Amino acid sequence: MSIGYSLYLSSFEMQKPMFEEIDGRGQFVFTSLHLQEEMDDLKAYREQAKSALHWLKGKGFYIIADVSPITLEIFNAPTLNEFMTRLPVDCLRIDYGFSDDDILTLAKDYPVCFNASTVKKDFGLKLKALGTKIFACHNFYPRPETGLDEDMFREINEWLKELGFHIMAFIPGKAKRKPIYEGLPTLERHRTLPSYVSFLDLVLKEGIDTVLVGDLTIDHQDRLWIEQYLSHQTICLPVHFEPPYSHLYDQAFTVRPDSPFSNIRLTESRLMNWDEGLLKPYHQTDRPVGTITVDNVNYGRYRGEIQIVRVDRPRDERVNVIGHVDPNYLDLLPIIPNRSKIRFVRKR
């Protein structure tokens, strides 16, 4: 699994500080080289493209460029194969305007990326037979209510996975891009979610290989949490604790393998060296979704067990309410699988 970012040539100087912070090795950049609104001055556009792409290659990014026949015309390349020698890109995403033979000819010599949302299975089989690296990249959808629904997404991905293709999809970012400024996700359900939540949803629930940020930037904290997950497979869970329980910030736990959907049960919590005062009855209230609790001394051998509730629960005199998941990140809760590692973090 990996993360990637979108490059927009007209916004590169604004995006550059973000790219400067990122170690590009093993990470992807996706860019479109046929956006008409960026092409007022074709000579300047060509120079800008070469400069930005060379800079990103110097950082170690793997660059996928979305192209059309207009792109070849602008860069004076008679064929897709010739275009690959003109710019420092690693792979071309081919959508419309090229014949199957054009794409197959390219795929004999270079990795190829196709539109996962529209390609036909019989053509996918032809590409697979060539034995080259094949990426299947879904579209993003600027207009609200046009993003893919889960059933369609999974149906498409099922056969892509069967053929062993590397699947990519988009999530919204922080600085929204024109023309609608309402996020650039593949799945409609992600349009208003934090990038971190959308990333984990695609990786953990949908089995996507590479998640691309469609917008101009990503929230800095979300990016750090994504990088931590990629490095350590630990899910950072933004929370707010009651003051007596603030020592639980930055603590890591394992989700029990037998946790029901209703409650995330944390394996190590009952084995902790608890201060006995923290297990006396305290703050016993209703427990809406996202509430963090610890079983108090009235629960016998369960004393000290920390849970995160995923369904609304009533007050229980044996259970102390000690915190809650940050409201912006409640959508993480259905995503967290049993046996996973989680870490409680402050939302800054």
Protein backbone atom coordinates (compact mmCIF):
# COMPACT_ATOMS: atom_id res chain seq x y z
CA MET A 1 0.00 0.00 0.00
CA SER A 2 1.16 3.56 -0.60
CA ILE A 3 0.09 7.20 -0.74
CA GLY A 4 0.39 9.59 -3.67
CA TYR A 5 -0.34 13.21 -4.52
CA SER A 6 -1.70 15.16 -7.46
CA LEU A 7 0.38 17.75 -9.27
CA TYR A 8 -1.31 20.68 -11.02
CA LEU A 9 1.19 22.65 -13.07
CA SER A 10 -0.66 25.94 -12.65
CA SER A 11 -0.52 25.49 -8.86
CA PHE A 12 2.92 23.91 -8.54
CA GLU A 13 4.51 26.82 -6.66
CA MET A 14 1.69 26.65 -4.11
CA GLN A 15 2.06 22.86 -3.83
CA LYS A 16 5.86 22.83 -3.75
CA PRO A 17 6.22 23.35 0.04
CA MET A 18 4.14 20.20 0.58
CA PHE A 19 6.28 18.19 -1.84
CA GLU A 20 9.45 19.52 -0.20
CA GLU A 21 8.39 17.94 3.11
CA ILE A 22 7.81 14.50 1.57
CA ASP A 23 10.39 11.82 0.90
CA GLY A 24 9.36 10.89 -2.61
CA ARG A 25 10.96 7.46 -2.63
CA GLY A 26 8.23 4.86 -3.02
CA GLN A 27 5.51 7.50 -3.37
CA PHE A 28 3.46 8.47 -6.39
CA VAL A 29 2.65 11.73 -8.14
CA PHE A 30 -0.29 11.86 -10.53
CA THR A 31 -0.58 14.70 -13.01
CA SER A 32 -2.78 15.48 -15.97
CA LEU A 33 -1.02 16.89 -19.05
CA HIS A 34 -4.14 17.81 -21.00
CA LEU A 35 -5.95 20.31 -18.77
CA GLN A 36 -7.04 23.03 -21.17
CA GLU A 37 -7.22 25.73 -18.48
CA GLU A 38 -3.48 25.40 -17.88
CA MET A 39 -2.45 25.87 -21.51
CA ASP A 40 -2.80 29.58 -22.27
CA ASP A 41 0.86 29.79 -23.33
CA LEU A 42 1.97 26.48 -24.82
CA LYS A 43 5.70 27.26 -24.81
CA ALA A 44 5.55 28.29 -21.15
CA TYR A 45 3.43 25.23 -20.40
CA ARG A 46 6.01 22.88 -21.91
CA GLU A 47 8.84 24.48 -19.95
CA GLN A 48 6.80 24.44 -16.75
CA ALA A 49 5.99 20.76 -17.19
CA LYS A 50 9.62 19.81 -17.78
CA SER A 51 10.85 21.88 -14.84
CA ALA A 52 8.27 20.58 -12.33
CA LEU A 53 8.58 16.96 -13.39
CA HIS A 54 12.40 17.01 -13.29
CA TRP A 55 12.22 18.52 -9.81
CA LEU A 56 9.84 15.80 -8.61
CA LYS A 57 11.97 13.04 -10.16
CA GLY A 58 14.90 14.48 -8.26
CA LYS A 59 12.91 13.89 -5.07
CA GLY A 60 12.40 10.25 -6.05
CA PHE A 61 8.67 10.31 -6.87
CA TYR A 62 7.16 7.80 -9.28
CA ILE A 63 5.28 9.95 -11.79
CA ILE A 64 2.12 8.90 -13.63
CA ALA A 65 0.98 11.34 -16.32
CA ASP A 66 -2.57 11.36 -17.67
CA VAL A 67 -2.38 12.07 -21.41
CA SER A 68 -4.59 12.54 -24.46
CA PRO A 69 -3.83 13.15 -28.16
CA ILE A 70 -3.66 16.86 -27.31
CA THR A 71 -0.70 16.10 -25.03
CA LEU A 72 1.25 14.48 -27.86
CA GLU A 73 0.53 17.45 -30.09
CA ILE A 74 1.73 19.97 -27.49
CA PHE A 75 4.98 18.10 -26.88
CA ASN A 76 5.55 17.29 -30.56
CA ALA A 77 5.56 13.55 -29.96
CA PRO A 78 4.21 11.41 -32.82
CA THR A 79 3.54 8.37 -30.59
CA LEU A 80 3.05 7.47 -26.95
CA ASN A 81 6.38 5.64 -26.95
CA GLU A 82 8.14 8.71 -28.29
CA PHE A 83 6.45 10.89 -25.67
CA MET A 84 7.99 8.74 -22.92
CA THR A 85 11.43 9.92 -24.09
CA ARG A 86 10.47 13.62 -23.94
CA LEU A 87 9.55 14.02 -20.26
CA PRO A 88 10.74 12.43 -17.00
CA VAL A 89 7.63 10.34 -16.35
CA ASP A 90 7.47 6.69 -15.35
CA CYS A 91 4.05 5.71 -16.62
CA LEU A 92 1.23 7.08 -18.79
CA ARG A 93 -2.44 6.88 -17.88
CA ILE A 94 -4.34 6.41 -21.11
CA ASP A 95 -8.01 7.28 -21.13
CA TYR A 96 -9.62 8.46 -24.37
CA GLY A 97 -8.39 9.22 -27.88
CA PHE A 98 -6.02 6.29 -28.37
CA SER A 99 -6.65 2.92 -30.00
CA ASP A 100 -6.18 -0.38 -28.25
CA ASP A 101 -3.18 -1.01 -30.52
CA ASP A 102 -1.58 2.29 -29.43
CA ILE A 103 -1.87 1.26 -25.80
CA LEU A 104 -0.68 -2.29 -26.36
CA THR A 105 2.35 -1.02 -28.28
CA LEU A 106 3.23 1.27 -25.37
CA ALA A 107 2.71 -1.54 -22.86
CA LYS A 108 5.32 -3.70 -24.57
CA ASP A 109 8.03 -1.25 -23.48
CA TYR A 110 6.65 0.75 -20.53
CA PRO A 111 4.33 0.43 -17.55
CA VAL A 112 0.79 1.49 -18.43
CA CYS A 113 -2.05 2.93 -16.40
CA PHE A 114 -5.65 2.78 -17.59
CA ASN A 115 -8.96 4.18 -16.40
CA ALA A 116 -10.20 1.60 -13.92
CA SER A 117 -13.72 2.99 -14.00
CA THR A 118 -14.30 2.53 -17.73
CA VAL A 119 -11.92 -0.11 -19.14
CA LYS A 120 -13.39 -3.38 -20.45
CA LYS A 121 -12.30 -6.68 -19.01
CA ASP A 122 -11.34 -8.21 -22.36
CA PHE A 123 -8.84 -5.41 -22.95
CA GLY A 124 -7.50 -5.85 -19.43
CA LEU A 125 -6.77 -9.48 -20.28
CA LYS A 126 -4.76 -8.38 -23.34
CA LEU A 127 -2.67 -6.04 -21.21
CA LYS A 128 -2.05 -8.71 -18.59
CA ALA A 129 -0.79 -11.09 -21.26
CA LEU A 130 2.10 -8.72 -22.01
CA GLY A 131 3.54 -9.24 -18.54
CA THR A 132 4.37 -5.58 -17.92
CA LYS A 133 3.43 -3.53 -14.86
CA ILE A 134 -0.20 -2.39 -15.14
CA PHE A 135 -1.89 0.23 -13.00
CA ALA A 136 -5.65 0.65 -12.84
CA CYS A 137 -6.49 4.17 -11.71
CA HIS A 138 -10.06 5.26 -10.98
CA ASN A 139 -11.32 8.74 -11.82
CA PHE A 140 -11.99 11.48 -9.33
CA TYR A 141 -15.33 13.32 -9.44
CA PRO A 142 -15.43 17.10 -8.83
CA ARG A 143 -19.22 17.42 -8.89
CA PRO A 144 -21.05 16.34 -5.73
CA GLU A 145 -23.37 13.35 -6.20
CA THR A 146 -21.32 11.94 -9.12
CA GLY A 147 -18.71 9.91 -7.20
CA LEU A 148 -18.86 6.13 -7.37
CA ASP A 149 -21.00 4.18 -4.93
CA GLU A 150 -19.53 1.26 -2.99
CA ASP A 151 -21.24 -1.51 -4.95
CA MET A 152 -20.04 -0.27 -8.33
CA PHE A 153 -16.55 0.35 -6.97
CA ARG A 154 -16.25 -3.14 -5.53
CA GLU A 155 -17.65 -4.80 -8.63
CA ILE A 156 -15.02 -3.11 -10.79
CA ASN A 157 -12.20 -3.83 -8.37
CA GLU A 158 -13.09 -7.49 -8.06
CA TRP A 159 -11.94 -8.38 -11.56
CA LEU A 160 -9.03 -5.93 -11.45
CA LYS A 161 -7.73 -7.77 -8.39
CA GLU A 162 -8.28 -11.13 -10.06
CA LEU A 163 -5.95 -10.02 -12.86
CA GLY A 164 -3.36 -8.77 -10.38
CA PHE A 165 -3.47 -5.10 -11.41
CA HIS A 166 -2.25 -2.35 -9.09
CA ILE A 167 -5.41 -0.40 -8.18
CA MET A 168 -5.41 3.33 -7.43
CA ALA A 169 -8.19 5.66 -6.27
CA PHE A 170 -8.53 9.26 -5.10
CA ILE A 171 -9.43 10.92 -1.82
CA PRO A 172 -10.22 14.59 -1.12
CA GLY A 173 -7.55 16.88 0.32
CA LYS A 174 -7.38 20.16 2.22
CA ALA A 175 -6.90 22.97 -0.34
CA LYS A 176 -9.74 22.23 -2.75
CA ARG A 177 -9.29 22.62 -6.48
CA LYS A 178 -11.47 24.31 -9.05
CA PRO A 179 -13.91 24.26 -10.68
CA ILE A 180 -16.32 23.23 -7.87
CA TYR A 181 -14.03 23.37 -4.81
CA GLU A 182 -15.87 20.48 -3.13
CA GLY A 183 -13.17 17.81 -3.11
CA LEU A 184 -11.88 15.31 -5.65
CA PRO A 185 -12.75 11.82 -4.41
CA THR A 186 -13.40 8.60 -6.28
CA LEU A 187 -16.07 7.48 -3.78
CA GLU A 188 -18.90 9.89 -3.09
CA ARG A 189 -18.99 8.94 0.59
CA HIS A 190 -15.50 10.39 1.03
CA ARG A 191 -16.29 13.88 -0.23
CA THR A 192 -16.65 15.51 3.20
CA LEU A 193 -14.42 13.19 5.24
CA PRO A 194 -10.88 13.93 6.46
CA SER A 195 -8.18 12.61 4.14
CA TYR A 196 -6.92 10.26 6.85
CA VAL A 197 -10.31 8.60 7.26
CA SER A 198 -10.75 8.24 3.50
CA PHE A 199 -7.25 6.78 3.16
CA LEU A 200 -7.82 4.10 5.78
CA ASP A 201 -11.22 3.29 4.34
CA LEU A 202 -9.71 2.60 0.91
CA VAL A 203 -6.80 0.63 2.31
CA LEU A 204 -8.49 -1.40 5.04
CA LYS A 205 -12.01 -1.91 3.67
CA GLU A 206 -11.53 -1.71 -0.09
CA GLY A 207 -8.05 -3.19 -0.50
CA ILE A 208 -6.73 -0.35 -2.69
CA ASP A 209 -3.00 -0.48 -3.42
CA THR A 210 -2.30 3.25 -3.80
CA VAL A 211 -4.40 6.13 -2.53
CA LEU A 212 -3.97 9.45 -4.34
CA VAL A 213 -4.86 12.86 -2.89
CA GLY A 214 -6.92 14.49 -5.62
CA ASP A 215 -6.85 18.06 -4.34
CA LEU A 216 -3.96 20.52 -4.11
CA THR A 217 -2.78 19.72 -0.58
CA ILE A 218 -3.47 17.48 2.38
CA ASP A 219 -3.87 18.43 6.02
CA HIS A 220 -0.42 18.21 7.61
CA GLN A 221 -1.58 16.15 10.59
CA ASP A 222 -3.56 13.77 8.39
CA ARG A 223 -0.44 13.22 6.27
CA LEU A 224 1.68 12.41 9.32
CA TRP A 225 -0.91 9.91 10.56
CA ILE A 226 -1.02 8.29 7.12
CA GLU A 227 2.77 8.01 7.07
CA GLN A 228 2.73 6.47 10.54
CA TYR A 229 0.23 3.87 9.40
CA LEU A 230 2.33 3.04 6.34
CA SER A 231 5.47 2.71 8.47
CA HIS A 232 4.09 0.90 11.51
CA GLN A 233 0.55 -0.27 10.64
CA THR A 234 -0.70 1.60 13.70
CA ILE A 235 -3.99 3.52 13.45
CA CYS A 236 -3.79 6.91 15.14
CA LEU A 237 -7.15 7.66 16.75
CA PRO A 238 -7.73 11.35 17.59
CA VAL A 239 -9.42 11.55 20.98
CA HIS A 240 -10.17 13.82 23.94
CA PHE A 241 -9.69 12.34 27.45
CA GLU A 242 -11.06 13.49 30.78
CA PRO A 243 -8.16 15.10 32.72
CA PRO A 244 -7.60 12.18 35.17
CA TYR A 245 -7.01 9.87 32.19
CA SER A 246 -4.71 12.09 30.12
CA HIS A 247 -1.86 9.60 30.65
CA LEU A 248 -3.55 7.46 27.97
CA TYR A 249 -2.54 9.89 25.21
CA ASP A 250 0.11 8.29 22.95
CA GLN A 251 -0.58 4.85 24.44
CA ALA A 252 -0.80 2.01 21.89
CA PHE A 253 -3.19 -0.93 22.22
CA THR A 254 -4.24 -4.01 20.26
CA VAL A 255 -7.89 -4.55 19.32
CA ARG A 256 -9.02 -7.92 20.64
CA PRO A 257 -9.54 -10.50 17.87
CA ASP A 258 -13.01 -11.28 19.24
CA SER A 259 -14.27 -7.71 19.58
CA PRO A 260 -17.89 -7.43 18.44
CA PHE A 261 -18.84 -4.63 16.09
CA SER A 262 -20.56 -2.77 18.92
CA ASN A 263 -17.44 -2.36 21.09
CA ILE A 264 -13.74 -2.07 20.32
CA ARG A 265 -12.11 -3.96 23.19
CA LEU A 266 -8.45 -3.20 23.92
CA THR A 267 -6.38 -6.26 24.81
CA GLU A 268 -3.68 -4.81 27.05
CA SER A 269 -5.88 -2.50 29.12
CA ARG A 270 -6.80 -4.96 31.89
CA LEU A 271 -3.12 -5.80 32.37
CA MET A 272 -2.08 -2.18 32.91
CA ASN A 273 -0.74 -1.03 36.25
CA TRP A 274 -3.80 1.09 37.01
CA ASP A 275 -3.91 3.70 39.77
CA GLU A 276 -6.74 2.28 41.88
CA GLY A 277 -8.30 5.73 42.17
CA LEU A 278 -8.91 5.77 38.40
CA LEU A 279 -11.01 2.60 38.64
CA LYS A 280 -13.40 3.92 41.26
CA PRO A 281 -16.86 4.87 39.93
CA TYR A 282 -16.53 8.15 38.02
CA HIS A 283 -18.44 10.08 35.35
CA GLN A 284 -21.11 7.48 34.61
CA THR A 285 -23.18 8.83 31.72
CA ASP A 286 -24.87 7.67 28.55
CA ARG A 287 -22.37 6.37 25.99
CA PRO A 288 -23.02 7.63 22.45
CA VAL A 289 -20.96 6.38 19.51
CA GLY A 290 -17.30 7.27 19.99
CA THR A 291 -17.36 7.20 23.79
CA ILE A 292 -14.21 5.77 25.44
CA THR A 293 -14.84 3.88 28.67
CA VAL A 294 -13.07 1.88 31.34
CA ASP A 295 -14.77 -0.76 33.44
CA ASN A 296 -14.58 0.22 37.11
CA VAL A 297 -14.22 -1.87 40.26
CA ASN A 298 -17.91 -2.80 40.16
CA TYR A 299 -17.27 -4.95 37.06
CA GLY A 300 -15.18 -7.53 38.87
CA ARG A 301 -12.50 -9.20 36.76
CA TYR A 302 -13.26 -6.85 33.85
CA ARG A 303 -11.99 -3.88 35.89
CA GLY A 304 -9.55 -1.82 33.85
CA GLU A 305 -10.82 -2.87 30.41
CA ILE A 306 -10.91 0.04 27.99
CA GLN A 307 -13.54 0.02 25.26
CA ILE A 308 -14.59 2.34 22.45
CA VAL A 309 -18.29 2.08 21.68
CA ARG A 310 -19.47 1.89 18.07
CA VAL A 311 -23.19 1.92 18.88
CA ASP A 312 -25.09 4.06 21.37
CA ARG A 313 -25.15 2.57 24.88
CA PRO A 314 -27.00 3.66 28.04
CA ARG A 315 -25.41 4.63 31.32
CA ASP A 316 -23.94 1.74 33.33
CA GLU A 317 -22.80 2.20 36.94
CA ARG A 318 -20.00 -0.30 36.32
CA VAL A 319 -18.53 1.75 33.45
CA ASN A 320 -16.63 5.06 33.65
CA VAL A 321 -16.80 7.44 30.70
CA ILE A 322 -13.20 8.68 30.30
CA GLY A 323 -13.16 10.34 26.89
CA HIS A 324 -14.46 10.42 23.35
CA VAL A 325 -13.21 10.16 19.79
CA ASP A 326 -12.87 13.51 18.04
CA PRO A 327 -16.19 14.13 16.22
CA ASN A 328 -14.43 14.69 12.87
CA TYR A 329 -12.95 11.20 13.05
CA LEU A 330 -15.93 9.12 14.17
CA ASP A 331 -16.01 7.55 10.70
CA LEU A 332 -12.77 5.77 11.59
CA LEU A 333 -14.59 3.51 14.04
CA PRO A 334 -16.34 1.17 11.56
CA ILE A 335 -13.06 0.84 9.65
CA ILE A 336 -10.88 -0.39 12.53
CA PRO A 337 -10.44 -4.18 12.21
CA ASN A 338 -9.93 -6.66 14.99
CA ARG A 339 -6.26 -7.42 15.76
CA SER A 340 -5.19 -3.97 14.58
CA LYS A 341 -2.95 -1.63 16.56
CA ILE A 342 -4.35 1.74 17.59
CA ARG A 343 -2.76 4.71 19.31
CA PHE A 344 -4.70 7.42 21.15
CA VAL A 345 -3.53 10.82 19.90
CA ARG A 346 -4.46 14.40 20.67
CA LYS A 347 -6.27 16.30 17.92
CA ARG A 348 -4.23 19.48 17.57
